[in-house]
Amino acid sequence: MKRRMMLAAMAMVLAAPAVAAEPAEGVGVVNAIDAAKHRLNITHQAIAALKWPGMTMDFQTAPALDLSGLKPGEKIRFTLGRDAQGLYVIEAVTPETH
């Protein structure tokens, strides 16, 4: 079931129309961090700019993004942009205080 949900989320990312010309922002909770692979697993709220519902998914992060200060369970605000292949990547992360 978890694998099916991740595959569905990945399909949405790959098939997502280029709705937002500017970077999109999201709010979510960090579930897991893989700093070596520049990857975060986040349960995020709906991202209206991309017409995405709330879901749990893995995100690639920009290679220069420092993930060392993040920990599982932390609520964050993140900015999504596109990489050279057109896939969404997290470009910035800040703690969500409210």
PDB file of N, CA and C in Angstrom:
ATOM      1  N   MET A   1       0.826  -1.197   0.000  1.00  0.00           N
ATOM      2  CA  MET A   1       0.000   0.000   0.000  1.00  0.00           C
ATOM      3  C   MET A   1       0.871   1.262   0.000  1.00  0.00           C
ATOM      4  N   LYS A   2       1.902   1.285   0.880  1.00  0.00           N
ATOM      5  CA  LYS A   2       2.782   2.444   0.940  1.00  0.00           C
ATOM      6  C   LYS A   2       3.501   2.634  -0.399  1.00  0.00           C
ATOM      7  N   ARG A   3       3.948   1.528  -0.993  1.00  0.00           N
ATOM      8  CA  ARG A   3       4.632   1.605  -2.279  1.00  0.00           C
ATOM      9  C   ARG A   3       3.693   2.155  -3.354  1.00  0.00           C
ATOM     10  N   ARG A   4       2.443   1.724  -3.336  1.00  0.00           N
ATOM     11  CA  ARG A   4       1.463   2.209  -4.308  1.00  0.00           C
ATOM     12  C   ARG A   4       1.249   3.711  -4.176  1.00  0.00           C
ATOM     13  N   MET A   5       1.182   4.179  -2.917  1.00  0.00           N
ATOM     14  CA  MET A   5       0.985   5.616  -2.680  1.00  0.00           C
ATOM     15  C   MET A   5       2.197   6.409  -3.169  1.00  0.00           C
ATOM     16  N   MET A   6       3.409   5.878  -2.940  1.00  0.00           N
ATOM     17  CA  MET A   6       4.604   6.575  -3.413  1.00  0.00           C
ATOM     18  C   MET A   6       4.652   6.603  -4.930  1.00  0.00           C
ATOM     19  N   LEU A   7       4.279   5.503  -5.566  1.00  0.00           N
ATOM     20  CA  LEU A   7       4.265   5.476  -7.031  1.00  0.00           C
ATOM     21  C   LEU A   7       3.246   6.466  -7.583  1.00  0.00           C
ATOM     22  N   ALA A   8       2.089   6.554  -6.938  1.00  0.00           N
ATOM     23  CA  ALA A   8       1.072   7.513  -7.375  1.00  0.00           C
ATOM     24  C   ALA A   8       1.578   8.946  -7.210  1.00  0.00           C
ATOM     25  N   ALA A   9       2.255   9.217  -6.087  1.00  0.00           N
ATOM     26  CA  ALA A   9       2.795  10.563  -5.853  1.00  0.00           C
ATOM     27  C   ALA A   9       3.865  10.894  -6.884  1.00  0.00           C
ATOM     28  N   MET A  10       4.727   9.925  -7.183  1.00  0.00           N
ATOM     29  CA  MET A  10       5.767  10.164  -8.191  1.00  0.00           C
ATOM     30  C   MET A  10       5.151  10.413  -9.559  1.00  0.00           C
ATOM     31  N   ALA A  11       4.097   9.682  -9.893  1.00  0.00           N
ATOM     32  CA  ALA A  11       3.423   9.882 -11.173  1.00  0.00           C
ATOM     33  C   ALA A  11       2.845  11.289 -11.256  1.00  0.00           C
ATOM     34  N   MET A  12       2.299  11.778 -10.125  1.00  0.00           N
ATOM     35  CA  MET A  12       1.754  13.145 -10.121  1.00  0.00           C
ATOM     36  C   MET A  12       2.857  14.168 -10.366  1.00  0.00           C
ATOM     37  N   VAL A  13       4.018  13.952  -9.760  1.00  0.00           N
ATOM     38  CA  VAL A  13       5.129  14.880  -9.935  1.00  0.00           C
ATOM     39  C   VAL A  13       5.577  14.887 -11.386  1.00  0.00           C
ATOM     40  N   LEU A  14       5.712  13.708 -11.962  1.00  0.00           N
ATOM     41  CA  LEU A  14       6.180  13.615 -13.345  1.00  0.00           C
ATOM     42  C   LEU A  14       5.160  14.146 -14.340  1.00  0.00           C
ATOM     43  N   ALA A  15       3.881  13.956 -14.041  1.00  0.00           N
ATOM     44  CA  ALA A  15       2.838  14.359 -14.975  1.00  0.00           C
ATOM     45  C   ALA A  15       2.274  15.739 -14.678  1.00  0.00           C
ATOM     46  N   ALA A  16       2.750  16.371 -13.613  1.00  0.00           N
ATOM     47  CA  ALA A  16       2.189  17.666 -13.215  1.00  0.00           C
ATOM     48  C   ALA A  16       2.386  18.695 -14.314  1.00  0.00           C
ATOM     49  N   PRO A  17       1.319  19.405 -14.647  1.00  0.00           N
ATOM     50  CA  PRO A  17       1.462  20.465 -15.647  1.00  0.00           C
ATOM     51  C   PRO A  17       2.299  21.601 -15.087  1.00  0.00           C
ATOM     52  N   ALA A  18       2.916  22.340 -15.951  1.00  0.00           N
ATOM     53  CA  ALA A  18       3.728  23.481 -15.525  1.00  0.00           C
ATOM     54  C   ALA A  18       2.801  24.629 -15.160  1.00  0.00           C
ATOM     55  N   VAL A  19       2.140  24.510 -14.020  1.00  0.00           N
ATOM     56  CA  VAL A  19       1.166  25.494 -13.577  1.00  0.00           C
ATOM     57  C   VAL A  19       1.854  26.735 -13.039  1.00  0.00           C
ATOM     58  N   ALA A  20       2.848  26.540 -12.193  1.00  0.00           N
ATOM     59  CA  ALA A  20       3.492  27.674 -11.532  1.00  0.00           C
ATOM     60  C   ALA A  20       4.766  28.066 -12.271  1.00  0.00           C
ATOM     61  N   ALA A  21       4.792  29.290 -12.790  1.00  0.00           N
ATOM     62  CA  ALA A  21       5.997  29.787 -13.444  1.00  0.00           C
ATOM     63  C   ALA A  21       7.046  30.122 -12.392  1.00  0.00           C
ATOM     64  N   GLU A  22       6.600  30.599 -11.240  1.00  0.00           N
ATOM     65  CA  GLU A  22       7.482  30.921 -10.124  1.00  0.00           C
ATOM     66  C   GLU A  22       7.613  29.686  -9.248  1.00  0.00           C
ATOM     67  N   PRO A  23       8.650  29.664  -8.408  1.00  0.00           N
ATOM     68  CA  PRO A  23       8.746  28.546  -7.464  1.00  0.00           C
ATOM     69  C   PRO A  23       7.494  28.474  -6.592  1.00  0.00           C
ATOM     70  N   ALA A  24       7.085  27.265  -6.237  1.00  0.00           N
ATOM     71  CA  ALA A  24       5.903  27.055  -5.399  1.00  0.00           C
ATOM     72  C   ALA A  24       6.344  26.779  -3.971  1.00  0.00           C
ATOM     73  N   GLU A  25       5.510  27.170  -3.001  1.00  0.00           N
ATOM     74  CA  GLU A  25       5.816  26.915  -1.595  1.00  0.00           C
ATOM     75  C   GLU A  25       4.889  25.872  -1.032  1.00  0.00           C
ATOM     76  N   GLY A  26       5.429  25.087  -0.101  1.00  0.00           N
ATOM     77  CA  GLY A  26       4.649  24.078   0.588  1.00  0.00           C
ATOM     78  C   GLY A  26       4.957  24.093   2.068  1.00  0.00           C
ATOM     79  N   VAL A  27       4.051  23.483   2.843  1.00  0.00           N
ATOM     80  CA  VAL A  27       4.233  23.332   4.284  1.00  0.00           C
ATOM     81  C   VAL A  27       4.017  21.861   4.588  1.00  0.00           C
ATOM     82  N   GLY A  28       4.896  21.293   5.402  1.00  0.00           N
ATOM     83  CA  GLY A  28       4.749  19.890   5.721  1.00  0.00           C
ATOM     84  C   GLY A  28       5.588  19.478   6.909  1.00  0.00           C
ATOM     85  N   VAL A  29       5.593  18.166   7.161  1.00  0.00           N
ATOM     86  CA  VAL A  29       6.350  17.583   8.263  1.00  0.00           C
ATOM     87  C   VAL A  29       7.371  16.620   7.680  1.00  0.00           C
ATOM     88  N   VAL A  30       8.597  16.733   8.133  1.00  0.00           N
ATOM     89  CA  VAL A  30       9.672  15.853   7.681  1.00  0.00           C
ATOM     90  C   VAL A  30       9.478  14.480   8.320  1.00  0.00           C
ATOM     91  N   ASN A  31       9.441  13.441   7.484  1.00  0.00           N
ATOM     92  CA  ASN A  31       9.341  12.071   7.978  1.00  0.00           C
ATOM     93  C   ASN A  31      10.702  11.388   8.004  1.00  0.00           C
ATOM     94  N   ALA A  32      11.491  11.620   6.966  1.00  0.00           N
ATOM     95  CA  ALA A  32      12.802  10.976   6.853  1.00  0.00           C
ATOM     96  C   ALA A  32      13.736  11.860   6.043  1.00  0.00           C
ATOM     97  N   ILE A  33      15.022  11.718   6.337  1.00  0.00           N
ATOM     98  CA  ILE A  33      16.059  12.505   5.669  1.00  0.00           C
ATOM     99  C   ILE A  33      17.129  11.549   5.166  1.00  0.00           C
ATOM    100  N   ASP A  34      17.470  11.666   3.888  1.00  0.00           N
ATOM    101  CA  ASP A  34      18.592  10.919   3.322  1.00  0.00           C
ATOM    102  C   ASP A  34      19.542  11.958   2.744  1.00  0.00           C
ATOM    103  N   ALA A  35      20.431  12.473   3.606  1.00  0.00           N
ATOM    104  CA  ALA A  35      21.341  13.551   3.193  1.00  0.00           C
ATOM    105  C   ALA A  35      22.286  13.093   2.092  1.00  0.00           C
ATOM    106  N   ALA A  36      22.695  11.830   2.128  1.00  0.00           N
ATOM    107  CA  ALA A  36      23.630  11.315   1.123  1.00  0.00           C
ATOM    108  C   ALA A  36      23.024  11.347  -0.277  1.00  0.00           C
ATOM    109  N   LYS A  37      21.714  11.123  -0.373  1.00  0.00           N
ATOM    110  CA  LYS A  37      21.039  11.122  -1.673  1.00  0.00           C
ATOM    111  C   LYS A  37      20.287  12.426  -1.935  1.00  0.00           C
ATOM    112  N   HIS A  38      20.438  13.402  -1.037  1.00  0.00           N
ATOM    113  CA  HIS A  38      19.746  14.696  -1.175  1.00  0.00           C
ATOM    114  C   HIS A  38      18.240  14.481  -1.333  1.00  0.00           C
ATOM    115  N   ARG A  39      17.652  13.756  -0.379  1.00  0.00           N
ATOM    116  CA  ARG A  39      16.241  13.404  -0.472  1.00  0.00           C
ATOM    117  C   ARG A  39      15.554  13.580   0.885  1.00  0.00           C
ATOM    118  N   LEU A  40      14.330  14.133   0.837  1.00  0.00           N
ATOM    119  CA  LEU A  40      13.484  14.262   2.022  1.00  0.00           C
ATOM    120  C   LEU A  40      12.165  13.555   1.764  1.00  0.00           C
ATOM    121  N   ASN A  41      11.648  12.877   2.782  1.00  0.00           N
ATOM    122  CA  ASN A  41      10.288  12.348   2.721  1.00  0.00           C
ATOM    123  C   ASN A  41       9.465  13.288   3.590  1.00  0.00           C
ATOM    124  N   ILE A  42       8.427  13.869   2.987  1.00  0.00           N
ATOM    125  CA  ILE A  42       7.616  14.894   3.644  1.00  0.00           C
ATOM    126  C   ILE A  42       6.140  14.563   3.484  1.00  0.00           C
ATOM    127  N   THR A  43       5.379  14.753   4.559  1.00  0.00           N
ATOM    128  CA  THR A  43       3.919  14.751   4.470  1.00  0.00           C
ATOM    129  C   THR A  43       3.537  16.222   4.384  1.00  0.00           C
ATOM    130  N   HIS A  44       3.068  16.631   3.199  1.00  0.00           N
ATOM    131  CA  HIS A  44       2.796  18.059   2.994  1.00  0.00           C
ATOM    132  C   HIS A  44       1.310  18.346   2.837  1.00  0.00           C
ATOM    133  N   GLN A  45       0.965  19.590   3.143  1.00  0.00           N
ATOM    134  CA  GLN A  45      -0.395  20.085   2.921  1.00  0.00           C
ATOM    135  C   GLN A  45      -0.582  20.288   1.423  1.00  0.00           C
ATOM    136  N   ALA A  46      -1.798  20.572   1.019  1.00  0.00           N
ATOM    137  CA  ALA A  46      -2.062  20.854  -0.395  1.00  0.00           C
ATOM    138  C   ALA A  46      -1.181  22.018  -0.863  1.00  0.00           C
ATOM    139  N   ILE A  47      -0.702  21.914  -2.097  1.00  0.00           N
ATOM    140  CA  ILE A  47       0.095  22.982  -2.707  1.00  0.00           C
ATOM    141  C   ILE A  47      -0.748  23.543  -3.852  1.00  0.00           C
ATOM    142  N   ALA A  48      -1.480  24.603  -3.550  1.00  0.00           N
ATOM    143  CA  ALA A  48      -2.452  25.166  -4.494  1.00  0.00           C
ATOM    144  C   ALA A  48      -1.811  25.595  -5.809  1.00  0.00           C
ATOM    145  N   ALA A  49      -0.612  26.177  -5.757  1.00  0.00           N
ATOM    146  CA  ALA A  49       0.041  26.673  -6.969  1.00  0.00           C
ATOM    147  C   ALA A  49       0.296  25.554  -7.981  1.00  0.00           C
ATOM    148  N   LEU A  50       0.434  24.323  -7.492  1.00  0.00           N
ATOM    149  CA  LEU A  50       0.678  23.180  -8.373  1.00  0.00           C
ATOM    150  C   LEU A  50      -0.552  22.289  -8.542  1.00  0.00           C
ATOM    151  N   LYS A  51      -1.634  22.657  -7.833  1.00  0.00           N
ATOM    152  CA  LYS A  51      -2.873  21.871  -7.840  1.00  0.00           C
ATOM    153  C   LYS A  51      -2.633  20.457  -7.318  1.00  0.00           C
ATOM    154  N   TRP A  52      -1.759  20.341  -6.302  1.00  0.00           N
ATOM    155  CA  TRP A  52      -1.483  19.056  -5.657  1.00  0.00           C
ATOM    156  C   TRP A  52      -2.276  18.963  -4.365  1.00  0.00           C
ATOM    157  N   PRO A  53      -2.876  17.813  -4.088  1.00  0.00           N
ATOM    158  CA  PRO A  53      -3.502  17.611  -2.776  1.00  0.00           C
ATOM    159  C   PRO A  53      -2.417  17.342  -1.735  1.00  0.00           C
ATOM    160  N   GLY A  54      -2.789  17.349  -0.488  1.00  0.00           N
ATOM    161  CA  GLY A  54      -1.848  16.963   0.553  1.00  0.00           C
ATOM    162  C   GLY A  54      -1.503  15.488   0.391  1.00  0.00           C
ATOM    163  N   MET A  55      -0.244  15.144   0.619  1.00  0.00           N
ATOM    164  CA  MET A  55       0.183  13.745   0.491  1.00  0.00           C
ATOM    165  C   MET A  55       1.560  13.572   1.115  1.00  0.00           C
ATOM    166  N   THR A  56       2.003  12.331   1.194  1.00  0.00           N
ATOM    167  CA  THR A  56       3.342  12.000   1.657  1.00  0.00           C
ATOM    168  C   THR A  56       4.146  11.555   0.454  1.00  0.00           C
ATOM    169  N   MET A  57       5.338  12.149   0.290  1.00  0.00           N
ATOM    170  CA  MET A  57       6.154  11.790  -0.857  1.00  0.00           C
ATOM    171  C   MET A  57       7.619  12.114  -0.624  1.00  0.00           C
ATOM    172  N   ASP A  58       8.470  11.508  -1.441  1.00  0.00           N
ATOM    173  CA  ASP A  58       9.891  11.805  -1.442  1.00  0.00           C
ATOM    174  C   ASP A  58      10.151  12.966  -2.385  1.00  0.00           C
ATOM    175  N   PHE A  59      11.027  13.869  -1.971  1.00  0.00           N
ATOM    176  CA  PHE A  59      11.447  14.985  -2.809  1.00  0.00           C
ATOM    177  C   PHE A  59      12.962  14.971  -2.910  1.00  0.00           C
ATOM    178  N   GLN A  60      13.481  15.195  -4.095  1.00  0.00           N
ATOM    179  CA  GLN A  60      14.901  15.476  -4.261  1.00  0.00           C
ATOM    180  C   GLN A  60      15.117  16.893  -3.752  1.00  0.00           C
ATOM    181  N   THR A  61      16.311  17.163  -3.256  1.00  0.00           N
ATOM    182  CA  THR A  61      16.648  18.517  -2.842  1.00  0.00           C
ATOM    183  C   THR A  61      17.801  19.006  -3.708  1.00  0.00           C
ATOM    184  N   ALA A  62      17.921  20.307  -3.802  1.00  0.00           N
ATOM    185  CA  ALA A  62      19.052  20.891  -4.531  1.00  0.00           C
ATOM    186  C   ALA A  62      20.336  20.412  -3.862  1.00  0.00           C
ATOM    187  N   PRO A  63      21.353  20.065  -4.644  1.00  0.00           N
ATOM    188  CA  PRO A  63      22.598  19.546  -4.069  1.00  0.00           C
ATOM    189  C   PRO A  63      23.240  20.464  -3.029  1.00  0.00           C
ATOM    190  N   ALA A  64      23.091  21.769  -3.174  1.00  0.00           N
ATOM    191  CA  ALA A  64      23.716  22.712  -2.238  1.00  0.00           C
ATOM    192  C   ALA A  64      22.900  22.919  -0.959  1.00  0.00           C
ATOM    193  N   LEU A  65      21.684  22.370  -0.892  1.00  0.00           N
ATOM    194  CA  LEU A  65      20.821  22.576   0.274  1.00  0.00           C
ATOM    195  C   LEU A  65      21.364  21.793   1.466  1.00  0.00           C
ATOM    196  N   ASP A  66      21.595  22.480   2.572  1.00  0.00           N
ATOM    197  CA  ASP A  66      22.120  21.856   3.792  1.00  0.00           C
ATOM    198  C   ASP A  66      20.970  21.226   4.570  1.00  0.00           C
ATOM    199  N   LEU A  67      20.988  19.908   4.698  1.00  0.00           N
ATOM    200  CA  LEU A  67      19.932  19.181   5.403  1.00  0.00           C
ATOM    201  C   LEU A  67      20.316  18.834   6.835  1.00  0.00           C
ATOM    202  N   SER A  68      21.507  19.227   7.259  1.00  0.00           N
ATOM    203  CA  SER A  68      22.021  18.805   8.561  1.00  0.00           C
ATOM    204  C   SER A  68      21.193  19.315   9.746  1.00  0.00           C
ATOM    205  N   GLY A  69      20.504  20.425   9.600  1.00  0.00           N
ATOM    206  CA  GLY A  69      19.721  20.970  10.701  1.00  0.00           C
ATOM    207  C   GLY A  69      18.314  20.414  10.806  1.00  0.00           C
ATOM    208  N   LEU A  70      17.908  19.596   9.857  1.00  0.00           N
ATOM    209  CA  LEU A  70      16.552  19.043   9.866  1.00  0.00           C
ATOM    210  C   LEU A  70      16.494  17.763  10.683  1.00  0.00           C
ATOM    211  N   LYS A  71      15.291  17.507  11.245  1.00  0.00           N
ATOM    212  CA  LYS A  71      15.090  16.251  11.957  1.00  0.00           C
ATOM    213  C   LYS A  71      13.674  15.748  11.725  1.00  0.00           C
ATOM    214  N   PRO A  72      13.479  14.431  11.754  1.00  0.00           N
ATOM    215  CA  PRO A  72      12.137  13.874  11.576  1.00  0.00           C
ATOM    216  C   PRO A  72      11.160  14.463  12.606  1.00  0.00           C
ATOM    217  N   GLY A  73       9.946  14.730  12.144  1.00  0.00           N
ATOM    218  CA  GLY A  73       8.913  15.300  12.993  1.00  0.00           C
ATOM    219  C   GLY A  73       8.858  16.816  12.947  1.00  0.00           C
ATOM    220  N   GLU A  74       9.854  17.445  12.331  1.00  0.00           N
ATOM    221  CA  GLU A  74       9.916  18.899  12.256  1.00  0.00           C
ATOM    222  C   GLU A  74       8.965  19.433  11.184  1.00  0.00           C
ATOM    223  N   LYS A  75       8.207  20.482  11.541  1.00  0.00           N
ATOM    224  CA  LYS A  75       7.321  21.138  10.582  1.00  0.00           C
ATOM    225  C   LYS A  75       8.133  22.183   9.826  1.00  0.00           C
ATOM    226  N   ILE A  76       8.026  22.156   8.495  1.00  0.00           N
ATOM    227  CA  ILE A  76       8.837  23.047   7.662  1.00  0.00           C
ATOM    228  C   ILE A  76       7.993  23.748   6.605  1.00  0.00           C
ATOM    229  N   ARG A  77       8.555  24.822   6.081  1.00  0.00           N
ATOM    230  CA  ARG A  77       8.066  25.491   4.871  1.00  0.00           C
ATOM    231  C   ARG A  77       9.158  25.267   3.840  1.00  0.00           C
ATOM    232  N   PHE A  78       8.781  24.880   2.625  1.00  0.00           N
ATOM    233  CA  PHE A  78       9.790  24.598   1.607  1.00  0.00           C
ATOM    234  C   PHE A  78       9.405  25.224   0.279  1.00  0.00           C
ATOM    235  N   THR A  79      10.429  25.497  -0.517  1.00  0.00           N
ATOM    236  CA  THR A  79      10.240  26.083  -1.833  1.00  0.00           C
ATOM    237  C   THR A  79      10.623  25.060  -2.883  1.00  0.00           C
ATOM    238  N   LEU A  80       9.725  24.845  -3.844  1.00  0.00           N
ATOM    239  CA  LEU A  80       9.964  23.907  -4.938  1.00  0.00           C
ATOM    240  C   LEU A  80      10.290  24.663  -6.216  1.00  0.00           C
ATOM    241  N   GLY A  81      11.299  24.193  -6.895  1.00  0.00           N
ATOM    242  CA  GLY A  81      11.641  24.686  -8.220  1.00  0.00           C
ATOM    243  C   GLY A  81      11.791  23.473  -9.125  1.00  0.00           C
ATOM    244  N   ARG A  82      12.274  23.685 -10.314  1.00  0.00           N
ATOM    245  CA  ARG A  82      12.478  22.566 -11.245  1.00  0.00           C
ATOM    246  C   ARG A  82      13.963  22.403 -11.550  1.00  0.00           C
ATOM    247  N   ASP A  83      14.370  21.141 -11.693  1.00  0.00           N
ATOM    248  CA  ASP A  83      15.761  20.875 -12.064  1.00  0.00           C
ATOM    249  C   ASP A  83      15.889  20.882 -13.588  1.00  0.00           C
ATOM    250  N   ALA A  84      17.058  20.534 -14.085  1.00  0.00           N
ATOM    251  CA  ALA A  84      17.330  20.565 -15.526  1.00  0.00           C
ATOM    252  C   ALA A  84      16.423  19.621 -16.318  1.00  0.00           C
ATOM    253  N   GLN A  85      15.942  18.560 -15.668  1.00  0.00           N
ATOM    254  CA  GLN A  85      15.032  17.617 -16.339  1.00  0.00           C
ATOM    255  C   GLN A  85      13.562  18.024 -16.189  1.00  0.00           C
ATOM    256  N   GLY A  86      13.308  19.116 -15.502  1.00  0.00           N
ATOM    257  CA  GLY A  86      11.939  19.587 -15.318  1.00  0.00           C
ATOM    258  C   GLY A  86      11.234  18.987 -14.120  1.00  0.00           C
ATOM    259  N   LEU A  87      11.946  18.212 -13.293  1.00  0.00           N
ATOM    260  CA  LEU A  87      11.345  17.610 -12.109  1.00  0.00           C
ATOM    261  C   LEU A  87      11.398  18.585 -10.937  1.00  0.00           C
ATOM    262  N   TYR A  88      10.414  18.487 -10.051  1.00  0.00           N
ATOM    263  CA  TYR A  88      10.384  19.368  -8.890  1.00  0.00           C
ATOM    264  C   TYR A  88      11.435  18.949  -7.875  1.00  0.00           C
ATOM    265  N   VAL A  89      12.170  19.929  -7.366  1.00  0.00           N
ATOM    266  CA  VAL A  89      13.165  19.725  -6.314  1.00  0.00           C
ATOM    267  C   VAL A  89      12.972  20.797  -5.252  1.00  0.00           C
ATOM    268  N   ILE A  90      13.327  20.460  -4.025  1.00  0.00           N
ATOM    269  CA  ILE A  90      13.269  21.439  -2.945  1.00  0.00           C
ATOM    270  C   ILE A  90      14.525  22.298  -3.020  1.00  0.00           C
ATOM    271  N   GLU A  91      14.307  23.600  -3.145  1.00  0.00           N
ATOM    272  CA  GLU A  91      15.422  24.544  -3.248  1.00  0.00           C
ATOM    273  C   GLU A  91      15.743  25.231  -1.932  1.00  0.00           C
ATOM    274  N   ALA A  92      14.747  25.334  -1.044  1.00  0.00           N
ATOM    275  CA  ALA A  92      14.953  26.005   0.244  1.00  0.00           C
ATOM    276  C   ALA A  92      14.019  25.401   1.285  1.00  0.00           C
ATOM    277  N   VAL A  93      14.488  25.398   2.537  1.00  0.00           N
ATOM    278  CA  VAL A  93      13.698  24.873   3.666  1.00  0.00           C
ATOM    279  C   VAL A  93      13.891  25.802   4.852  1.00  0.00           C
ATOM    280  N   THR A  94      12.773  26.128   5.527  1.00  0.00           N
ATOM    281  CA  THR A  94      12.849  26.905   6.752  1.00  0.00           C
ATOM    282  C   THR A  94      11.889  26.275   7.763  1.00  0.00           C
ATOM    283  N   PRO A  95      12.210  26.371   9.055  1.00  0.00           N
ATOM    284  CA  PRO A  95      11.282  25.861  10.067  1.00  0.00           C
ATOM    285  C   PRO A  95       9.978  26.644  10.021  1.00  0.00           C
ATOM    286  N   GLU A  96       8.870  25.950  10.206  1.00  0.00           N
ATOM    287  CA  GLU A  96       7.538  26.592  10.233  1.00  0.00           C
ATOM    288  C   GLU A  96       7.213  26.845  11.699  1.00  0.00           C
ATOM    289  N   THR A  97       7.038  28.109  12.058  1.00  0.00           N
ATOM    290  CA  THR A  97       6.862  28.462  13.464  1.00  0.00           C
ATOM    291  C   THR A  97       5.412  28.588  13.898  1.00  0.00           C
ATOM    292  N   HIS A  98       4.463  28.593  12.967  1.00  0.00           N
ATOM    293  CA  HIS A  98       3.064  28.686  13.376  1.00  0.00           C
ATOM    294  C   HIS A  98       2.214  27.680  12.699  1.00  0.00           C
TER     295      HIS A  98
END
